[in-house]
Amino acid sequence: MTDPRIELRNPALAALLAFLFPGAGHAYQRRYFKAAIYSVCVLGIYFWGCSLGEAKAVHFRWDERAEDGQSRQRTFGYLAQVGVGLPALPAVAQQLRHADQRDAQNSDQQPGEILEEINSEFTGRLNHVELGHPEITGQVSGVIRVGDYGYGTEFEGTFTGQTVDGNPLQFDLLGSRNSGSLQIGDRITGLDNVTMSELVLEQQELEFSGDRRRFFVRVVDKTTDLGMIEGTIPRPFHNHYLAPLDDESLQYLNGKLGKQYELALVYTWIAGLLNILAVWDALQGPAYGYGDEEPEEDSDEKSSEKAEAADADAPAAATATAGASS
């Protein structure tokens, strides 16, 4: 039962605060020592696990069906991680945003409808019929829209920049997914394969990034194909923090980190489960066993019974002592 000797103030509010941020509920109850213990221990274990997993150990994915060659994945481990509260809750919002992104790509929108506007810096290489394939940097501007039913999603825009030698460049870009002249990473995702393919002659290891987004599109002059650019554009922090990972990204992480990634998951699970105990402590108070003590009346009765028994035994004890003396 709840110990009245501990001031829990509003237990429901304290439990909510304890869930949202470890230690906050106990600080609200003025139990500052426990607040510090829970905050340091729970958050310390959680962020250590995040560090071991290169900030990719916590994500939420709940696929109802497999799409685009991906397996149906359900991250049951997140049900433990979410016990940490606010540090893990953005993963739910990222899953919803990621699902909306998929629905937009697969929906029956009308041709010409804009899915996304892009105005980003670009780093990569150029493969041009006249200029060769130098490394380039610059600005990519344009829109991703619904193309006609034959070409699917397409990008139309411009590139303005220069080569590493300082030669200025400017040309038009046009490509579509279905024709193979456009490849662009998802706007919202936790990790992305950004390995350049057609511009790299020698075989190299796969390269993944969360804050960069693969970008491949054709260079055109009116309707003439002049080559292509391939590289990456930045992905804002809010579009990859705790965002879902696809199958290829998970395979890459497990291959790169091995058992370290499994250990990262375990640490974050433990942190979430520990904070659930802290929430219960804020709601019900400490488990002192209050209420299991013997009632004071029973104790007084037993004491008086023992005293009466001692008085009754006193003459017999005195007689026995006198007999022994004689």
Protein backbone atom coordinates (compact mmCIF):
# COMPACT_ATOMS: atom_id res chain seq x y z
CA MET A 1 0.00 0.00 0.00
CA THR A 2 1.02 3.65 -0.41
CA ASP A 3 3.19 4.91 2.43
CA PRO A 4 1.59 8.07 3.88
CA ARG A 5 4.94 8.99 5.42
CA ILE A 6 6.15 9.91 1.88
CA GLU A 7 4.63 13.01 0.27
CA LEU A 8 3.76 11.88 -3.28
CA ARG A 9 1.87 15.12 -4.08
CA ASN A 10 -0.11 14.29 -7.26
CA PRO A 11 0.96 10.67 -7.98
CA ALA A 12 -0.59 10.55 -11.48
CA LEU A 13 1.23 13.71 -12.56
CA ALA A 14 4.45 12.47 -10.98
CA ALA A 15 4.17 9.17 -12.88
CA LEU A 16 3.61 11.03 -16.16
CA LEU A 17 6.64 13.26 -15.55
CA ALA A 18 8.72 10.22 -14.59
CA PHE A 19 7.78 8.56 -17.88
CA LEU A 20 8.44 11.61 -20.03
CA PHE A 21 11.86 12.26 -18.52
CA PRO A 22 13.60 9.90 -16.07
CA GLY A 23 13.84 11.50 -12.63
CA ALA A 24 11.44 14.37 -13.36
CA GLY A 25 8.57 12.80 -11.40
CA HIS A 26 10.70 12.28 -8.32
CA ALA A 27 12.03 15.85 -8.53
CA TYR A 28 8.40 17.03 -8.60
CA GLN A 29 7.81 15.00 -5.41
CA ARG A 30 10.93 16.62 -3.87
CA ARG A 31 12.64 13.22 -3.69
CA TYR A 32 15.79 14.71 -5.13
CA PHE A 33 18.21 11.90 -4.35
CA LYS A 34 16.08 9.35 -6.20
CA ALA A 35 15.52 11.84 -9.01
CA ALA A 36 19.28 12.13 -9.51
CA ILE A 37 19.79 8.35 -9.32
CA TYR A 38 17.08 7.53 -11.86
CA SER A 39 18.06 10.31 -14.22
CA VAL A 40 21.77 9.47 -14.27
CA CYS A 41 21.35 5.69 -14.38
CA VAL A 42 18.49 5.42 -16.90
CA LEU A 43 19.71 8.10 -19.28
CA GLY A 44 23.32 6.98 -18.89
CA ILE A 45 22.46 3.40 -19.91
CA TYR A 46 20.20 4.61 -22.72
CA PHE A 47 22.65 7.01 -24.34
CA TRP A 48 25.52 4.57 -23.91
CA GLY A 49 23.48 2.05 -25.89
CA CYS A 50 22.73 4.71 -28.51
CA SER A 51 26.45 5.45 -28.76
CA LEU A 52 27.32 1.78 -29.24
CA GLY A 53 24.74 1.55 -32.04
CA GLU A 54 25.99 4.73 -33.75
CA ALA A 55 22.68 6.45 -32.90
CA LYS A 56 20.74 3.81 -34.89
CA ALA A 57 19.83 1.38 -32.11
CA VAL A 58 16.48 3.08 -31.46
CA HIS A 59 13.91 3.19 -34.24
CA PHE A 60 10.31 2.12 -34.71
CA ARG A 61 9.02 0.22 -37.70
CA TRP A 62 5.64 -1.49 -37.86
CA ASP A 63 5.00 -2.64 -41.42
CA GLU A 64 1.58 -4.13 -42.09
CA ARG A 65 2.75 -5.52 -45.43
CA ALA A 66 5.96 -5.88 -47.40
CA GLU A 67 6.54 -3.37 -50.18
CA ASP A 68 9.26 -2.69 -52.75
CA GLY A 69 11.13 -5.87 -51.94
CA GLN A 70 11.28 -5.06 -48.22
CA SER A 71 10.30 -7.57 -45.56
CA ARG A 72 7.48 -6.92 -43.13
CA GLN A 73 9.34 -5.78 -40.03
CA ARG A 74 8.01 -5.09 -36.57
CA THR A 75 10.40 -3.72 -33.96
CA PHE A 76 9.05 -5.34 -30.80
CA GLY A 77 12.19 -4.22 -28.94
CA TYR A 78 11.02 -0.64 -29.25
CA LEU A 79 8.20 -1.45 -26.82
CA ALA A 80 10.92 -1.66 -24.15
CA GLN A 81 12.92 1.32 -25.43
CA VAL A 82 9.91 3.64 -25.35
CA GLY A 83 9.88 3.32 -21.56
CA VAL A 84 12.62 5.97 -21.53
CA GLY A 85 10.03 8.52 -22.59
CA LEU A 86 10.83 11.66 -24.56
CA PRO A 87 14.30 10.58 -25.77
CA ALA A 88 12.69 7.63 -27.63
CA LEU A 89 9.24 9.01 -28.53
CA PRO A 90 10.33 10.83 -31.74
CA ALA A 91 10.74 7.39 -33.34
CA VAL A 92 6.94 7.03 -33.42
CA ALA A 93 6.52 10.35 -35.22
CA GLN A 94 9.28 9.41 -37.67
CA GLN A 95 7.55 6.11 -38.47
CA LEU A 96 4.31 7.97 -39.24
CA ARG A 97 6.15 10.50 -41.44
CA HIS A 98 7.98 7.69 -43.23
CA ALA A 99 4.71 5.86 -43.88
CA ASP A 100 3.11 9.04 -45.25
CA GLN A 101 6.09 9.43 -47.57
CA ARG A 102 5.62 5.89 -48.90
CA ASP A 103 1.90 6.44 -49.36
CA ALA A 104 2.55 9.62 -51.35
CA GLN A 105 4.96 7.81 -53.66
CA ASN A 106 2.52 4.96 -54.26
CA SER A 107 -0.68 6.95 -54.48
CA ASP A 108 -2.69 7.65 -57.62
CA GLN A 109 -1.86 11.34 -57.77
CA GLN A 110 -2.37 13.33 -60.92
CA PRO A 111 0.54 13.90 -63.33
CA GLY A 112 2.34 17.16 -62.61
CA GLU A 113 1.53 17.15 -58.89
CA ILE A 114 4.59 18.23 -56.87
CA LEU A 115 5.81 15.78 -54.22
CA GLU A 116 8.84 17.72 -53.00
CA GLU A 117 10.84 20.85 -53.73
CA ILE A 118 14.63 20.61 -53.61
CA ASN A 119 17.13 23.43 -53.19
CA SER A 120 20.28 21.85 -51.77
CA GLU A 121 24.01 21.85 -52.07
CA PHE A 122 25.40 18.95 -54.11
CA THR A 123 28.70 17.09 -53.90
CA GLY A 124 29.66 14.39 -56.39
CA ARG A 125 30.86 13.79 -59.92
CA LEU A 126 29.86 14.67 -63.44
CA ASN A 127 29.85 12.29 -66.40
CA HIS A 128 29.53 14.48 -69.51
CA VAL A 129 29.99 13.73 -73.20
CA GLU A 130 32.24 16.77 -73.59
CA LEU A 131 33.52 17.68 -70.12
CA GLY A 132 34.52 14.16 -69.00
CA HIS A 133 33.84 13.20 -65.39
CA PRO A 134 35.35 15.73 -62.97
CA GLU A 135 34.39 16.09 -59.32
CA ILE A 136 31.92 18.93 -58.86
CA THR A 137 30.20 20.94 -56.14
CA GLY A 138 27.30 23.31 -56.40
CA GLN A 139 23.58 23.85 -55.95
CA VAL A 140 20.76 21.61 -57.18
CA SER A 141 17.34 23.24 -57.52
CA GLY A 142 14.13 21.72 -58.84
CA VAL A 143 11.02 19.71 -58.03
CA ILE A 144 10.12 16.05 -57.69
CA ARG A 145 6.67 15.54 -59.16
CA VAL A 146 4.31 12.89 -60.42
CA GLY A 147 5.20 12.24 -64.05
CA ASP A 148 2.94 10.70 -66.62
CA TYR A 149 1.97 7.07 -66.15
CA GLY A 150 4.78 5.86 -68.39
CA TYR A 151 7.68 7.51 -66.53
CA GLY A 152 6.48 7.68 -62.93
CA THR A 153 8.14 10.04 -60.43
CA GLU A 154 10.45 12.53 -62.11
CA PHE A 155 12.79 15.38 -61.25
CA GLU A 156 13.24 18.57 -63.24
CA GLY A 157 15.66 21.31 -62.27
CA THR A 158 19.09 22.86 -62.71
CA PHE A 159 22.62 22.53 -61.42
CA THR A 160 24.80 25.59 -60.81
CA GLY A 161 28.33 25.10 -59.52
CA GLN A 162 31.91 24.42 -60.45
CA THR A 163 34.55 21.73 -60.79
CA VAL A 164 37.24 21.28 -58.15
CA ASP A 165 39.52 23.27 -60.48
CA GLY A 166 37.19 26.24 -60.31
CA ASN A 167 35.60 25.97 -63.76
CA PRO A 168 31.99 27.23 -63.59
CA LEU A 169 29.18 24.88 -64.63
CA GLN A 170 25.47 25.29 -65.26
CA PHE A 171 23.09 22.88 -66.93
CA ASP A 172 19.57 21.47 -66.86
CA LEU A 173 18.58 18.24 -65.14
CA LEU A 174 15.76 15.89 -66.05
CA GLY A 175 15.15 12.28 -65.05
CA SER A 176 12.48 9.78 -64.06
CA ARG A 177 12.52 6.70 -61.84
CA ASN A 178 10.88 4.31 -64.29
CA SER A 179 13.33 5.14 -67.08
CA GLY A 180 16.34 4.64 -64.78
CA SER A 181 17.52 8.25 -65.24
CA LEU A 182 16.65 9.28 -61.66
CA GLN A 183 17.74 7.77 -58.35
CA ILE A 184 17.17 9.70 -55.16
CA GLY A 185 17.15 8.55 -51.56
CA ASP A 186 14.06 8.85 -49.39
CA ARG A 187 13.53 12.24 -47.80
CA ILE A 188 12.90 10.57 -44.40
CA THR A 189 14.97 7.54 -43.44
CA GLY A 190 17.47 6.55 -40.78
CA LEU A 191 20.27 5.35 -43.07
CA ASP A 192 20.78 5.37 -46.81
CA ASN A 193 23.08 3.71 -49.34
CA VAL A 194 24.92 6.61 -50.96
CA THR A 195 27.55 4.58 -52.85
CA MET A 196 28.24 6.01 -56.28
CA SER A 197 27.88 3.29 -58.90
CA GLU A 198 28.30 4.31 -62.54
CA LEU A 199 31.01 6.88 -61.86
CA VAL A 200 33.27 4.57 -59.85
CA LEU A 201 35.38 2.25 -61.98
CA GLU A 202 36.99 0.22 -59.22
CA GLN A 203 35.05 -1.95 -56.78
CA GLN A 204 34.60 -0.38 -53.36
CA GLU A 205 32.75 -1.06 -50.13
CA LEU A 206 29.21 0.17 -49.70
CA GLU A 207 28.88 3.59 -48.10
CA PHE A 208 25.86 4.46 -45.99
CA SER A 209 24.84 7.78 -44.50
CA GLY A 210 21.95 9.22 -42.52
CA ASP A 211 22.64 12.90 -43.08
CA ARG A 212 23.34 12.53 -46.82
CA ARG A 213 20.93 11.52 -49.55
CA ARG A 214 21.87 9.77 -52.78
CA PHE A 215 21.16 11.86 -55.89
CA PHE A 216 21.54 10.66 -59.48
CA VAL A 217 19.96 12.41 -62.45
CA ARG A 218 20.55 12.99 -66.17
CA VAL A 219 22.07 16.16 -67.61
CA VAL A 220 20.13 17.42 -70.64
CA ASP A 221 20.18 20.17 -73.23
CA LYS A 222 16.57 20.51 -74.32
CA THR A 223 15.93 16.86 -75.26
CA THR A 224 19.56 15.77 -75.76
CA ASP A 225 21.10 13.50 -73.13
CA LEU A 226 24.54 14.89 -72.23
CA GLY A 227 25.42 12.54 -69.37
CA MET A 228 24.57 12.58 -65.69
CA ILE A 229 25.58 13.73 -62.25
CA GLU A 230 25.84 11.40 -59.27
CA GLY A 231 26.57 12.25 -55.67
CA THR A 232 24.73 13.33 -52.52
CA ILE A 233 22.61 16.15 -51.18
CA PRO A 234 22.15 16.85 -47.44
CA ARG A 235 19.32 15.41 -45.39
CA PRO A 236 18.25 17.62 -42.44
CA PHE A 237 18.67 16.24 -38.92
CA HIS A 238 14.92 16.01 -38.33
CA ASN A 239 14.59 13.74 -41.38
CA HIS A 240 16.99 11.03 -40.16
CA TYR A 241 16.98 11.24 -36.33
CA LEU A 242 15.36 8.01 -35.00
CA ALA A 243 13.85 7.40 -38.44
CA PRO A 244 13.08 3.80 -39.56
CA LEU A 245 15.79 1.65 -41.12
CA ASP A 246 15.15 -0.48 -44.19
CA ASP A 247 16.39 -4.06 -44.59
CA GLU A 248 19.56 -3.09 -46.45
CA SER A 249 20.52 -0.56 -43.78
CA LEU A 250 19.97 -3.09 -40.99
CA GLN A 251 22.14 -5.65 -42.78
CA TYR A 252 24.83 -3.01 -43.20
CA LEU A 253 24.75 -2.06 -39.50
CA ASN A 254 24.87 -5.67 -38.32
CA GLY A 255 27.73 -6.41 -40.70
CA LYS A 256 29.68 -3.34 -39.63
CA LEU A 257 29.11 -3.47 -35.87
CA GLY A 258 28.48 -7.18 -35.33
CA LYS A 259 27.67 -8.06 -31.71
CA GLN A 260 28.18 -4.43 -30.72
CA TYR A 261 24.88 -3.56 -32.37
CA GLU A 262 23.09 -6.33 -30.45
CA LEU A 263 24.66 -5.02 -27.23
CA ALA A 264 23.45 -1.53 -28.09
CA LEU A 265 19.90 -2.83 -28.41
CA VAL A 266 20.12 -4.61 -25.04
CA TYR A 267 21.34 -1.47 -23.25
CA THR A 268 18.48 0.62 -24.61
CA TRP A 269 15.96 -2.09 -23.71
CA ILE A 270 17.28 -2.23 -20.13
CA ALA A 271 17.08 1.56 -19.80
CA GLY A 272 13.43 1.58 -20.87
CA LEU A 273 12.46 -1.23 -18.50
CA LEU A 274 14.28 0.43 -15.60
CA ASN A 275 12.36 3.63 -16.12
CA ILE A 276 9.08 1.71 -15.98
CA LEU A 277 10.05 0.72 -12.42
CA ALA A 278 10.81 4.37 -11.70
CA VAL A 279 7.35 5.35 -12.98
CA TRP A 280 5.78 2.82 -10.63
CA ASP A 281 7.83 4.18 -7.72
CA ALA A 282 6.61 7.71 -8.48
CA LEU A 283 3.00 6.50 -8.62
CA GLN A 284 2.93 4.21 -5.57
CA GLY A 285 5.89 5.31 -3.50
CA PRO A 286 8.78 3.19 -2.20
CA ALA A 287 8.28 -0.48 -1.33
CA TYR A 288 8.96 -0.14 2.42
CA GLY A 289 6.42 -2.78 3.41
CA TYR A 290 4.36 -0.22 5.23
CA GLY A 291 1.14 -1.77 6.55
CA ASP A 292 2.70 -5.16 7.24
CA GLU A 293 3.62 -4.25 10.81
CA GLU A 294 1.66 -5.67 13.75
CA PRO A 295 -1.12 -3.34 15.00
CA GLU A 296 -0.19 -1.44 18.16
CA GLU A 297 -3.17 -2.87 20.09
CA ASP A 298 -2.06 -6.42 19.41
CA SER A 299 1.42 -5.54 20.53
CA ASP A 300 0.13 -4.02 23.81
CA GLU A 301 -2.02 -7.10 24.51
CA LYS A 302 0.91 -9.45 23.92
CA SER A 303 3.11 -7.33 26.17
CA SER A 304 0.55 -7.42 29.01
CA GLU A 305 0.11 -11.18 28.59
CA LYS A 306 3.85 -11.66 28.83
CA ALA A 307 3.96 -9.49 31.97
CA GLU A 308 1.14 -11.47 33.64
CA ALA A 309 2.85 -14.73 32.79
CA ALA A 310 6.07 -13.42 34.27
CA ASP A 311 4.25 -12.39 37.50
CA ALA A 312 2.63 -15.82 37.77
CA ASP A 313 5.94 -17.58 37.34
CA ALA A 314 7.74 -15.38 39.88
CA PRO A 315 6.51 -17.20 43.16
CA ALA A 316 7.32 -20.60 41.70
CA ALA A 317 10.73 -19.42 40.72
CA ALA A 318 11.32 -17.98 44.22
CA THR A 319 10.23 -21.27 45.89
CA ALA A 320 12.51 -23.24 43.69
CA THR A 321 15.36 -20.95 44.54
CA ALA A 322 14.72 -21.20 48.31
CA GLY A 323 14.58 -24.99 48.13
CA ALA A 324 17.83 -25.09 46.32
CA SER A 325 19.45 -22.86 48.95
CA SER A 326 18.28 -25.07 51.85
